[in-house]
Amino acid sequence: MALPDTAPLLVGLLLLFHAFGAWAIVEVNMEDKVEVMAGETAQITCMFTTDEGLGGTTIQWFYVLPNKERQRIYNKEPMHEAAEQNTLFTHRISLNVNGTAAVLAIRDVGVRDNLEFICVIKTLTPEEAEGRTQLQVFKSPTFPTIEAVETGISVNEEAPSKIGSCRVKNGYPKPNITWYRNNMPLRNTPPEVVVTSSTTIESSGLFSVQSELTMKVKKEHKDAVFYCEVIYFVPGATKMTESQHINITVYYLPTEVNIWVESPKGKIKEGDTLELRCDNNGNYPSSITTIKHQNSEYSVENKTMVRTNVKRLDGGVYECTFEETDNFDEISGSTKVSVNYLESAVITPKDSIAVMEGEELKASCNALSSLQTSTTWFKNEKLVSKGNTLSVKSATLETAGMYKCVVTVPEMEGMKTSSTLQVNVKGSPQILGPDVQEVETYETTVNLTCSATGFPAPTIMWTTSDGKNLNALQTETEDGAQSVVTFKITSNVKVFCNASNDFGSKVVEFNIKTILNTTLTTITSMPTISTTTRSTTTISSDTVVHTTPTATTTTSTNTITDDTVIYNTSTTNTTIPSTNITFINDTVQTPTKSPNIKKESKGFVIAIIIIAIFLLAILGSVLYFLYKKGRICGRSGKQDFSKRKSSKDNIVVEMKSDNTEEAILLGVNGEKQQPNDQ
């Protein structure tokens, strides 16, 4: 092994240098202090120089105990190095030597590592050197907490009163606390300002500091802001943090009391809700506030008094009194309240007035008020006059009616009163509408209305052109009367409405024309045509036919044109052998008499038609009898005529009467047929 061989050599060299007096030079340089935050790794550097080089250099590290003794924590020799056992740093340190720099690393430093460390450099010669570095460990404190006193402070207190306390915990080195009021620092100047601080060293070695502020409170401190400032240290710097801001409640006696109208703003009128507010420039807890008005005393809640629906008598002086209950000192303030009013409008003459037609109408309207008023007159919601006097030089029937006087206070919204006056104008009645009115109706019952104006209220009578009086319902209106009559009509008639009073009368004529309406059914080519009617008459432009007896006839008419009208006067069953029967117009109105048809010719024509129908009936019966006997066309009466019926036999007309008799269906051979045989 090389070690046993070199050791004697080194010893020999050491003795040789000693013999000749050659000593090595050793120098050590270190920082005065190394700063580090708690929990981090601290590095302490030891710079050294020696003439012998690194081969025979020994490096040792120590820290200084509180009793000034040294405690070695690391030893590095040329052939061996290790941390000392059973020390504070045994498992937290390491040494790194790079050339002439030996760096001691201490992991996870704490405030207890705030010590002085020594680096010792030794050579083979007896020469050695050392350097010292102070390790400074820092720990930032917690955010400061501040507490203000919960109770108020009176300015009458003789001794200083506690304002609050401020506390900060777990800092290293010890933090400092400074109090501020409105951003100005407070110094300990007894007895005005007293700051008391206390420091606690925690088991971890950290510092906790508490500071309490007491001072003599003045009125100007009622809005002051207090807080505390904490100053603490970090590596290479100083930091500061502020607490939350607090206020204190300062009690002081008032020097002035004020009372004012909080609501409504502006002028007050009757019916308003009055809200008075009373306040003072003091802040004393033991006090009573009252409001007095005309020997009446009212309680005050939250510095406010409320009176609803005020009247003019509620106006006057209101006095607010503050009384301090400790010494029973009083201080007062007052204000004057004016309640404006507007009495009801009074019209002269009262309620109604009657003037003759053509005379002058005069009326006045007044309302007593505490403020300037404005008066206007309305009729039917339309403005007719301004001012408190209503004047019409020459009254007419149109002047009559209900007038409304409105009195307002322009400078106060909502102040308004009104009254009404019924104006009646004495004179002959007037009926609304033209003197002659045309009425056309399809109905058999007519309603007529007649409205008349005038004073006294006119009486309305209804008569007809034939002298009959009609019963009607009459009602009075604002400016006259109205009557409604209901009656039945059978023909054109004239009805007269007569309105009269003490000063005259007025008549209106109603010409009523009745319009009759008849509805006919359109008939086309159908197997069966059923017509039920009470009477039937056929009228053309030059022929009138009137049927009265009951008979069965056969005609050859194919078309009834649009100027043919049928009236039924008796029950008739008619069979028409035609392939097509058409009513051109479904509905026609009863025509007026044609000027070409004279009354004298009607009877003659009707007689001719009746005789012709009777002869045709006889002829038809004879032909039918001969046909059945086979005397016509060589046929036997036993032949089956139904087998060779023409398709024309399918056209059958059924005429029903209103007495619900059974309809009879006849073919061209005169035999009865059932409906299913058609």
Foldseek 3Di string as FASTA:
>chain_A
DCVVVCVVVLVVVQVVCVVVVNDKDKDKDWDAAWEDEAQAKTKTKIAMDIPVFDQAKKKWKWWADPVRDTDTQWIDGNVDIAGDPDDPQRPFWDWDDDGRMIMIMGGRDAQVQQTKMKMKMQGSHRDIDMDIYGYHYWDAKDAKEKDADPDAAELPDPFWAWGIKIKIDFTPPEKDKWKDKQNHTDDDDPPAKHKDKDWDQDPRRGIMMMITITGRDDPVLQPIKMWMKIWGDHVPDIDIDIYDIDGHHYFDDFPAKDKDWPPDPDAAAAQAKTKMFIDTPGHHDQKAKWKDDPNDIDGADPRMDIDGRDDQVPWAKIKIWIAHVVVRDIDIDIDTHGYKYKAAKQKPPPAEDEEEAFAKDKMFIDIDIPADKWKFKDFPNHTDDTDRMDIDHGDDLVNFFKMKMKMAHVVDPPHIHMDIYGYAYAAWKDKPDDQEAEAEDQDQKDKDKIDIFHPPAWDKWKAWPVGDTFDWDKDADSGHIMIMGMDGDDAWIKMKIWTGDPHGIGIHIYTYGHFHWDFAAWDWQDLEAEDEDAFWWWDALQATEHDDDEDEFEDADAEDEQRIGITYNHFYFYWYLYRTYTYPDRIDTDDDDRPNDDPVVHVVRHVVVVVVRVVRRVVLVVVLVCVLCCVPPNGHNPDDPVVPDDPSQSHWYWYDYPVPDDTFTQGSSGDTDDPVVD
